[in-house]
Amino acid sequence: QRELVATITSRGSTNYADSVKGRFTISRDGAKNTLYLQ
């Protein structure tokens, strides 16, 4: 099934699945209207 990896709010608060914590980083660039997942 499809599963959550990470989320980010408009204020920049983040949430991660336990399986990716410490390895993945979600971020966003408002000027570029782009979301990232490192």
ModelCIF file with pLDDT and N, C-alpha, C, O atoms, coordinates in Angstrom:
data_MODEL
#
_entry.id   MODEL 
#
_entity.id                         1 
_entity.type                       polymer 
_entity.pdbx_number_of_molecules   1 
#
_entity_poly.entity_id                      1 
_entity_poly.type                           'polypeptide(L)' 
_entity_poly.nstd_linkage                   no 
_entity_poly.nstd_monomer                   no 
_entity_poly.pdbx_seq_one_letter_code       QRELVATITSRGSTNYADSVKGRFTISRDGAKNTLYLQ 
_entity_poly.pdbx_seq_one_letter_code_can   QRELVATITSRGSTNYADSVKGRFTISRDGAKNTLYLQ 
_entity_poly.pdbx_strand_id                 A 
#
loop_
_entity_poly_seq.entity_id 
_entity_poly_seq.num 
_entity_poly_seq.mon_id 
_entity_poly_seq.hetero 
1 1  GLN n 
1 2  ARG n 
1 3  GLU n 
1 4  LEU n 
1 5  VAL n 
1 6  ALA n 
1 7  THR n 
1 8  ILE n 
1 9  THR n 
1 10 SER n 
1 11 ARG n 
1 12 GLY n 
1 13 SER n 
1 14 THR n 
1 15 ASN n 
1 16 TYR n 
1 17 ALA n 
1 18 ASP n 
1 19 SER n 
1 20 VAL n 
1 21 LYS n 
1 22 GLY n 
1 23 ARG n 
1 24 PHE n 
1 25 THR n 
1 26 ILE n 
1 27 SER n 
1 28 ARG n 
1 29 ASP n 
1 30 GLY n 
1 31 ALA n 
1 32 LYS n 
1 33 ASN n 
1 34 THR n 
1 35 LEU n 
1 36 TYR n 
1 37 LEU n 
1 38 GLN n 
#
_struct_asym.id          A 
_struct_asym.entity_id   1 
#
loop_
_ma_qa_metric.id 
_ma_qa_metric.mode 
_ma_qa_metric.name 
_ma_qa_metric.software_group_id 
_ma_qa_metric.type 
1 global pLDDT . pLDDT 
2 local  pLDDT . pLDDT 
#
_ma_qa_metric_global.metric_id      1 
_ma_qa_metric_global.metric_value   96.11 
_ma_qa_metric_global.model_id       1 
_ma_qa_metric_global.ordinal_id     1 
#
loop_
_ma_qa_metric_local.label_asym_id 
_ma_qa_metric_local.label_comp_id 
_ma_qa_metric_local.label_seq_id 
_ma_qa_metric_local.metric_id 
_ma_qa_metric_local.metric_value 
_ma_qa_metric_local.model_id 
_ma_qa_metric_local.ordinal_id 
A GLN 1  2 97.00 1 1  
A ARG 2  2 97.00 1 2  
A GLU 3  2 98.00 1 3  
A LEU 4  2 98.00 1 4  
A VAL 5  2 98.00 1 5  
A ALA 6  2 98.00 1 6  
A THR 7  2 98.00 1 7  
A ILE 8  2 97.00 1 8  
A THR 9  2 94.00 1 9  
A SER 10 2 90.00 1 10 
A ARG 11 2 92.00 1 11 
A GLY 12 2 92.00 1 12 
A SER 13 2 96.00 1 13 
A THR 14 2 98.00 1 14 
A ASN 15 2 98.00 1 15 
A TYR 16 2 98.00 1 16 
A ALA 17 2 98.00 1 17 
A ASP 18 2 98.00 1 18 
A SER 19 2 97.00 1 19 
A VAL 20 2 98.00 1 20 
A LYS 21 2 98.00 1 21 
A GLY 22 2 98.00 1 22 
A ARG 23 2 98.00 1 23 
A PHE 24 2 98.00 1 24 
A THR 25 2 98.00 1 25 
A ILE 26 2 98.00 1 26 
A SER 27 2 97.00 1 27 
A ARG 28 2 95.00 1 28 
A ASP 29 2 93.00 1 29 
A GLY 30 2 89.00 1 30 
A ALA 31 2 90.00 1 31 
A LYS 32 2 92.00 1 32 
A ASN 33 2 92.00 1 33 
A THR 34 2 95.00 1 34 
A LEU 35 2 97.00 1 35 
A TYR 36 2 98.00 1 36 
A LEU 37 2 98.00 1 37 
A GLN 38 2 98.00 1 38 
#
loop_
_atom_site.group_PDB 
_atom_site.id 
_atom_site.type_symbol 
_atom_site.label_atom_id 
_atom_site.label_alt_id 
_atom_site.label_comp_id 
_atom_site.label_asym_id 
_atom_site.label_entity_id 
_atom_site.label_seq_id 
_atom_site.pdbx_PDB_ins_code 
_atom_site.Cartn_x 
_atom_site.Cartn_y 
_atom_site.Cartn_z 
_atom_site.occupancy 
_atom_site.B_iso_or_equiv 
_atom_site.pdbx_formal_charge 
_atom_site.auth_seq_id 
_atom_site.auth_comp_id 
_atom_site.auth_asym_id 
_atom_site.auth_atom_id 
_atom_site.pdbx_PDB_model_num 
ATOM 1   N N  . GLN A 1 1  ? 0.832  -1.195 0.000  1.00 97.00 ? 1  GLN A N  1 
ATOM 2   C CA . GLN A 1 1  ? 0.000  0.000  0.000  1.00 97.00 ? 1  GLN A CA 1 
ATOM 3   C C  . GLN A 1 1  ? 0.870  1.249  0.000  1.00 97.00 ? 1  GLN A C  1 
ATOM 4   O O  . GLN A 1 1  ? 2.021  1.231  0.436  1.00 97.00 ? 1  GLN A O  1 
ATOM 5   N N  . ARG A 1 2  ? 0.292  2.321  -0.497 1.00 97.00 ? 2  ARG A N  1 
ATOM 6   C CA . ARG A 1 2  ? 0.979  3.609  -0.478 1.00 97.00 ? 2  ARG A CA 1 
ATOM 7   C C  . ARG A 1 2  ? 1.134  4.039  0.975  1.00 97.00 ? 2  ARG A C  1 
ATOM 8   O O  . ARG A 1 2  ? 0.212  3.883  1.776  1.00 97.00 ? 2  ARG A O  1 
ATOM 9   N N  . GLU A 1 3  ? 2.312  4.585  1.317  1.00 98.00 ? 3  GLU A N  1 
ATOM 10  C CA . GLU A 1 3  ? 2.569  4.978  2.693  1.00 98.00 ? 3  GLU A CA 1 
ATOM 11  C C  . GLU A 1 3  ? 3.173  6.371  2.766  1.00 98.00 ? 3  GLU A C  1 
ATOM 12  O O  . GLU A 1 3  ? 3.825  6.843  1.834  1.00 98.00 ? 3  GLU A O  1 
ATOM 13  N N  . LEU A 1 4  ? 2.934  7.014  3.907  1.00 98.00 ? 4  LEU A N  1 
ATOM 14  C CA . LEU A 1 4  ? 3.486  8.337  4.147  1.00 98.00 ? 4  LEU A CA 1 
ATOM 15  C C  . LEU A 1 4  ? 4.991  8.241  4.352  1.00 98.00 ? 4  LEU A C  1 
ATOM 16  O O  . LEU A 1 4  ? 5.479  7.345  5.041  1.00 98.00 ? 4  LEU A O  1 
ATOM 17  N N  . VAL A 1 5  ? 5.718  9.170  3.751  1.00 98.00 ? 5  VAL A N  1 
ATOM 18  C CA . VAL A 1 5  ? 7.162  9.270  3.978  1.00 98.00 ? 5  VAL A CA 1 
ATOM 19  C C  . VAL A 1 5  ? 7.455  10.483 4.856  1.00 98.00 ? 5  VAL A C  1 
ATOM 20  O O  . VAL A 1 5  ? 8.104  10.356 5.894  1.00 98.00 ? 5  VAL A O  1 
ATOM 21  N N  . ALA A 1 6  ? 6.981  11.648 4.447  1.00 98.00 ? 6  ALA A N  1 
ATOM 22  C CA . ALA A 1 6  ? 7.253  12.869 5.194  1.00 98.00 ? 6  ALA A CA 1 
ATOM 23  C C  . ALA A 1 6  ? 6.260  13.941 4.784  1.00 98.00 ? 6  ALA A C  1 
ATOM 24  O O  . ALA A 1 6  ? 5.744  13.937 3.667  1.00 98.00 ? 6  ALA A O  1 
ATOM 25  N N  . THR A 1 7  ? 5.999  14.867 5.713  1.00 98.00 ? 7  THR A N  1 
ATOM 26  C CA . THR A 1 7  ? 5.138  16.002 5.418  1.00 98.00 ? 7  THR A CA 1 
ATOM 27  C C  . THR A 1 7  ? 5.765  17.277 5.948  1.00 98.00 ? 7  THR A C  1 
ATOM 28  O O  . THR A 1 7  ? 6.623  17.246 6.830  1.00 98.00 ? 7  THR A O  1 
ATOM 29  N N  . ILE A 1 8  ? 5.323  18.402 5.396  1.00 97.00 ? 8  ILE A N  1 
ATOM 30  C CA . ILE A 1 8  ? 5.797  19.697 5.845  1.00 97.00 ? 8  ILE A CA 1 
ATOM 31  C C  . ILE A 1 8  ? 4.634  20.678 5.790  1.00 97.00 ? 8  ILE A C  1 
ATOM 32  O O  . ILE A 1 8  ? 3.881  20.711 4.817  1.00 97.00 ? 8  ILE A O  1 
ATOM 33  N N  . THR A 1 9  ? 4.496  21.482 6.854  1.00 94.00 ? 9  THR A N  1 
ATOM 34  C CA . THR A 1 9  ? 3.416  22.458 6.899  1.00 94.00 ? 9  THR A CA 1 
ATOM 35  C C  . THR A 1 9  ? 3.882  23.774 6.279  1.00 94.00 ? 9  THR A C  1 
ATOM 36  O O  . THR A 1 9  ? 5.047  23.933 5.914  1.00 94.00 ? 9  THR A O  1 
ATOM 37  N N  . SER A 1 10 ? 2.945  24.706 6.171  1.00 90.00 ? 10 SER A N  1 
ATOM 38  C CA . SER A 1 10 ? 3.286  26.016 5.624  1.00 90.00 ? 10 SER A CA 1 
ATOM 39  C C  . SER A 1 10 ? 4.280  26.745 6.530  1.00 90.00 ? 10 SER A C  1 
ATOM 40  O O  . SER A 1 10 ? 5.011  27.625 6.073  1.00 90.00 ? 10 SER A O  1 
ATOM 41  N N  . ARG A 1 11 ? 4.306  26.379 7.807  1.00 92.00 ? 11 ARG A N  1 
ATOM 42  C CA . ARG A 1 11 ? 5.239  27.017 8.741  1.00 92.00 ? 11 ARG A CA 1 
ATOM 43  C C  . ARG A 1 11 ? 6.567  26.283 8.817  1.00 92.00 ? 11 ARG A C  1 
ATOM 44  O O  . ARG A 1 11 ? 7.473  26.702 9.538  1.00 92.00 ? 11 ARG A O  1 
ATOM 45  N N  . GLY A 1 12 ? 6.685  25.193 8.077  1.00 92.00 ? 12 GLY A N  1 
ATOM 46  C CA . GLY A 1 12 ? 7.941  24.467 8.051  1.00 92.00 ? 12 GLY A CA 1 
ATOM 47  C C  . GLY A 1 12 ? 8.048  23.327 9.040  1.00 92.00 ? 12 GLY A C  1 
ATOM 48  O O  . GLY A 1 12 ? 9.105  22.707 9.147  1.00 92.00 ? 12 GLY A O  1 
ATOM 49  N N  . SER A 1 13 ? 6.984  23.036 9.763  1.00 96.00 ? 13 SER A N  1 
ATOM 50  C CA . SER A 1 13 ? 7.008  21.886 10.670 1.00 96.00 ? 13 SER A CA 1 
ATOM 51  C C  . SER A 1 13 ? 7.002  20.604 9.860  1.00 96.00 ? 13 SER A C  1 
ATOM 52  O O  . SER A 1 13 ? 6.267  20.477 8.881  1.00 96.00 ? 13 SER A O  1 
ATOM 53  N N  . THR A 1 14 ? 7.822  19.664 10.274 1.00 98.00 ? 14 THR A N  1 
ATOM 54  C CA . THR A 1 14 ? 7.976  18.424 9.508  1.00 98.00 ? 14 THR A CA 1 
ATOM 55  C C  . THR A 1 14 ? 7.575  17.200 10.328 1.00 98.00 ? 14 THR A C  1 
ATOM 56  O O  . THR A 1 14 ? 7.572  17.214 11.559 1.00 98.00 ? 14 THR A O  1 
ATOM 57  N N  . ASN A 1 15 ? 7.240  16.153 9.598  1.00 98.00 ? 15 ASN A N  1 
ATOM 58  C CA . ASN A 1 15 ? 6.866  14.886 10.213 1.00 98.00 ? 15 ASN A CA 1 
ATOM 59  C C  . ASN A 1 15 ? 7.392  13.777 9.312  1.00 98.00 ? 15 ASN A C  1 
ATOM 60  O O  . ASN A 1 15 ? 7.314  13.875 8.087  1.00 98.00 ? 15 ASN A O  1 
ATOM 61  N N  . TYR A 1 16 ? 7.930  12.716 9.922  1.00 98.00 ? 16 TYR A N  1 
ATOM 62  C CA . TYR A 1 16 ? 8.534  11.635 9.140  1.00 98.00 ? 16 TYR A CA 1 
ATOM 63  C C  . TYR A 1 16 ? 8.023  10.269 9.592  1.00 98.00 ? 16 TYR A C  1 
ATOM 64  O O  . TYR A 1 16 ? 7.691  10.062 10.759 1.00 98.00 ? 16 TYR A O  1 
ATOM 65  N N  . ALA A 1 17 ? 7.971  9.362  8.649  1.00 98.00 ? 17 ALA A N  1 
ATOM 66  C CA . ALA A 1 17 ? 7.729  7.972  8.997  1.00 98.00 ? 17 ALA A CA 1 
ATOM 67  C C  . ALA A 1 17 ? 8.926  7.465  9.797  1.00 98.00 ? 17 ALA A C  1 
ATOM 68  O O  . ALA A 1 17 ? 10.060 7.881  9.560  1.00 98.00 ? 17 ALA A O  1 
ATOM 69  N N  . ASP A 1 18 ? 8.671  6.573  10.736 1.00 98.00 ? 18 ASP A N  1 
ATOM 70  C CA . ASP A 1 18 ? 9.762  6.055  11.564 1.00 98.00 ? 18 ASP A CA 1 
ATOM 71  C C  . ASP A 1 18 ? 10.859 5.409  10.722 1.00 98.00 ? 18 ASP A C  1 
ATOM 72  O O  . ASP A 1 18 ? 12.037 5.463  11.073 1.00 98.00 ? 18 ASP A O  1 
ATOM 73  N N  . SER A 1 19 ? 10.464 4.804  9.621  1.00 97.00 ? 19 SER A N  1 
ATOM 74  C CA . SER A 1 19 ? 11.420 4.072  8.792  1.00 97.00 ? 19 SER A CA 1 
ATOM 75  C C  . SER A 1 19 ? 12.435 4.972  8.092  1.00 97.00 ? 19 SER A C  1 
ATOM 76  O O  . SER A 1 19 ? 13.464 4.491  7.617  1.00 97.00 ? 19 SER A O  1 
ATOM 77  N N  . VAL A 1 20 ? 12.151 6.286  8.022  1.00 98.00 ? 20 VAL A N  1 
ATOM 78  C CA . VAL A 1 20 ? 13.067 7.180  7.305  1.00 98.00 ? 20 VAL A CA 1 
ATOM 79  C C  . VAL A 1 20 ? 13.666 8.254  8.208  1.00 98.00 ? 20 VAL A C  1 
ATOM 80  O O  . VAL A 1 20 ? 14.506 9.035  7.762  1.00 98.00 ? 20 VAL A O  1 
ATOM 81  N N  . LYS A 1 21 ? 13.249 8.302  9.460  1.00 98.00 ? 21 LYS A N  1 
ATOM 82  C CA . LYS A 1 21 ? 13.763 9.324  10.378 1.00 98.00 ? 21 LYS A CA 1 
ATOM 83  C C  . LYS A 1 21 ? 15.282 9.233  10.481 1.00 98.00 ? 21 LYS A C  1 
ATOM 84  O O  . LYS A 1 21 ? 15.852 8.152  10.629 1.00 98.00 ? 21 LYS A O  1 
ATOM 85  N N  . GLY A 1 22 ? 15.915 10.390 10.398 1.00 98.00 ? 22 GLY A N  1 
ATOM 86  C CA . GLY A 1 22 ? 17.362 10.435 10.489 1.00 98.00 ? 22 GLY A CA 1 
ATOM 87  C C  . GLY A 1 22 ? 18.067 10.204 9.162  1.00 98.00 ? 22 GLY A C  1 
ATOM 88  O O  . GLY A 1 22 ? 19.274 10.420 9.054  1.00 98.00 ? 22 GLY A O  1 
ATOM 89  N N  . ARG A 1 23 ? 17.321 9.768  8.153  1.00 98.00 ? 23 ARG A N  1 
ATOM 90  C CA . ARG A 1 23 ? 17.923 9.507  6.833  1.00 98.00 ? 23 ARG A CA 1 
ATOM 91  C C  . ARG A 1 23 ? 17.371 10.433 5.758  1.00 98.00 ? 23 ARG A C  1 
ATOM 92  O O  . ARG A 1 23 ? 18.101 10.842 4.855  1.00 98.00 ? 23 ARG A O  1 
ATOM 93  N N  . PHE A 1 24 ? 16.087 10.766 5.849  1.00 98.00 ? 24 PHE A N  1 
ATOM 94  C CA . PHE A 1 24 ? 15.440 11.614 4.844  1.00 98.00 ? 24 PHE A CA 1 
ATOM 95  C C  . PHE A 1 24 ? 15.156 12.986 5.439  1.00 98.00 ? 24 PHE A C  1 
ATOM 96  O O  . PHE A 1 24 ? 14.913 13.122 6.638  1.00 98.00 ? 24 PHE A O  1 
ATOM 97  N N  . THR A 1 25 ? 15.191 14.006 4.573  1.00 98.00 ? 25 THR A N  1 
ATOM 98  C CA . THR A 1 25 ? 14.864 15.367 4.987  1.00 98.00 ? 25 THR A CA 1 
ATOM 99  C C  . THR A 1 25 ? 13.943 15.998 3.954  1.00 98.00 ? 25 THR A C  1 
ATOM 100 O O  . THR A 1 25 ? 14.267 16.054 2.767  1.00 98.00 ? 25 THR A O  1 
ATOM 101 N N  . ILE A 1 26 ? 12.793 16.473 4.416  1.00 98.00 ? 26 ILE A N  1 
ATOM 102 C CA . ILE A 1 26 ? 11.862 17.176 3.542  1.00 98.00 ? 26 ILE A CA 1 
ATOM 103 C C  . ILE A 1 26 ? 12.080 18.675 3.705  1.00 98.00 ? 26 ILE A C  1 
ATOM 104 O O  . ILE A 1 26 ? 12.301 19.164 4.813  1.00 98.00 ? 26 ILE A O  1 
ATOM 105 N N  . SER A 1 27 ? 12.015 19.396 2.592  1.00 97.00 ? 27 SER A N  1 
ATOM 106 C CA . SER A 1 27 ? 12.199 20.838 2.645  1.00 97.00 ? 27 SER A CA 1 
ATOM 107 C C  . SER A 1 27 ? 11.461 21.457 1.464  1.00 97.00 ? 27 SER A C  1 
ATOM 108 O O  . SER A 1 27 ? 11.022 20.767 0.545  1.00 97.00 ? 27 SER A O  1 
ATOM 109 N N  . ARG A 1 28 ? 11.341 22.775 1.519  1.00 95.00 ? 28 ARG A N  1 
ATOM 110 C CA . ARG A 1 28 ? 10.643 23.457 0.434  1.00 95.00 ? 28 ARG A CA 1 
ATOM 111 C C  . ARG A 1 28 ? 11.313 24.796 0.155  1.00 95.00 ? 28 ARG A C  1 
ATOM 112 O O  . ARG A 1 28 ? 11.887 25.424 1.044  1.00 95.00 ? 28 ARG A O  1 
ATOM 113 N N  . ASP A 1 29 ? 11.225 25.213 -1.101 1.00 93.00 ? 29 ASP A N  1 
ATOM 114 C CA . ASP A 1 29 ? 11.739 26.511 -1.535 1.00 93.00 ? 29 ASP A CA 1 
ATOM 115 C C  . ASP A 1 29 ? 10.550 27.293 -2.086 1.00 93.00 ? 29 ASP A C  1 
ATOM 116 O O  . ASP A 1 29 ? 10.091 27.035 -3.199 1.00 93.00 ? 29 ASP A O  1 
ATOM 117 N N  . GLY A 1 30 ? 10.057 28.244 -1.305 1.00 89.00 ? 30 GLY A N  1 
ATOM 118 C CA . GLY A 1 30 ? 8.887  28.994 -1.709 1.00 89.00 ? 30 GLY A CA 1 
ATOM 119 C C  . GLY A 1 30 ? 9.114  29.808 -2.967 1.00 89.00 ? 30 GLY A C  1 
ATOM 120 O O  . GLY A 1 30 ? 8.215  29.947 -3.796 1.00 89.00 ? 30 GLY A O  1 
ATOM 121 N N  . ALA A 1 31 ? 10.308 30.342 -3.110 1.00 90.00 ? 31 ALA A N  1 
ATOM 122 C CA . ALA A 1 31 ? 10.601 31.177 -4.275 1.00 90.00 ? 31 ALA A CA 1 
ATOM 123 C C  . ALA A 1 31 ? 10.539 30.357 -5.563 1.00 90.00 ? 31 ALA A C  1 
ATOM 124 O O  . ALA A 1 31 ? 10.163 30.868 -6.618 1.00 90.00 ? 31 ALA A O  1 
ATOM 125 N N  . LYS A 1 32 ? 10.914 29.079 -5.464 1.00 92.00 ? 32 LYS A N  1 
ATOM 126 C CA . LYS A 1 32 ? 10.904 28.202 -6.640 1.00 92.00 ? 32 LYS A CA 1 
ATOM 127 C C  . LYS A 1 32 ? 9.632  27.365 -6.716 1.00 92.00 ? 32 LYS A C  1 
ATOM 128 O O  . LYS A 1 32 ? 9.432  26.612 -7.670 1.00 92.00 ? 32 LYS A O  1 
ATOM 129 N N  . ASN A 1 33 ? 8.765  27.500 -5.698 1.00 92.00 ? 33 ASN A N  1 
ATOM 130 C CA . ASN A 1 33 ? 7.533  26.701 -5.659 1.00 92.00 ? 33 ASN A CA 1 
ATOM 131 C C  . ASN A 1 33 ? 7.846  25.209 -5.779 1.00 92.00 ? 33 ASN A C  1 
ATOM 132 O O  . ASN A 1 33 ? 7.180  24.474 -6.509 1.00 92.00 ? 33 ASN A O  1 
ATOM 133 N N  . THR A 1 34 ? 8.863  24.785 -5.053 1.00 95.00 ? 34 THR A N  1 
ATOM 134 C CA . THR A 1 34 ? 9.363  23.422 -5.192 1.00 95.00 ? 34 THR A CA 1 
ATOM 135 C C  . THR A 1 34 ? 9.535  22.754 -3.835 1.00 95.00 ? 34 THR A C  1 
ATOM 136 O O  . THR A 1 34 ? 9.987  23.368 -2.868 1.00 95.00 ? 34 THR A O  1 
ATOM 137 N N  . LEU A 1 35 ? 9.162  21.486 -3.792 1.00 97.00 ? 35 LEU A N  1 
ATOM 138 C CA . LEU A 1 35 ? 9.328  20.650 -2.605 1.00 97.00 ? 35 LEU A CA 1 
ATOM 139 C C  . LEU A 1 35 ? 10.465 19.677 -2.872 1.00 97.00 ? 35 LEU A C  1 
ATOM 140 O O  . LEU A 1 35 ? 10.639 19.216 -3.999 1.00 97.00 ? 35 LEU A O  1 
ATOM 141 N N  . TYR A 1 36 ? 11.236 19.365 -1.843 1.00 98.00 ? 36 TYR A N  1 
ATOM 142 C CA . TYR A 1 36 ? 12.361 18.450 -1.981 1.00 98.00 ? 36 TYR A CA 1 
ATOM 143 C C  . TYR A 1 36 ? 12.282 17.307 -0.970 1.00 98.00 ? 36 TYR A C  1 
ATOM 144 O O  . TYR A 1 36 ? 11.645 17.414 0.078  1.00 98.00 ? 36 TYR A O  1 
ATOM 145 N N  . LEU A 1 37 ? 12.946 16.221 -1.321 1.00 98.00 ? 37 LEU A N  1 
ATOM 146 C CA . LEU A 1 37 ? 13.154 15.134 -0.368 1.00 98.00 ? 37 LEU A CA 1 
ATOM 147 C C  . LEU A 1 37 ? 14.591 14.663 -0.546 1.00 98.00 ? 37 LEU A C  1 
ATOM 148 O O  . LEU A 1 37 ? 14.922 14.017 -1.540 1.00 98.00 ? 37 LEU A O  1 
ATOM 149 N N  . GLN A 1 38 ? 15.438 14.989 0.418  1.00 98.00 ? 38 GLN A N  1 
ATOM 150 C CA . GLN A 1 38 ? 16.812 14.513 0.419  1.00 98.00 ? 38 GLN A CA 1 
ATOM 151 C C  . GLN A 1 38 ? 16.836 13.151 1.095  1.00 98.00 ? 38 GLN A C  1 
ATOM 152 O O  . GLN A 1 38 ? 17.898 12.541 1.217  1.00 98.00 ? 38 GLN A O  1 
#
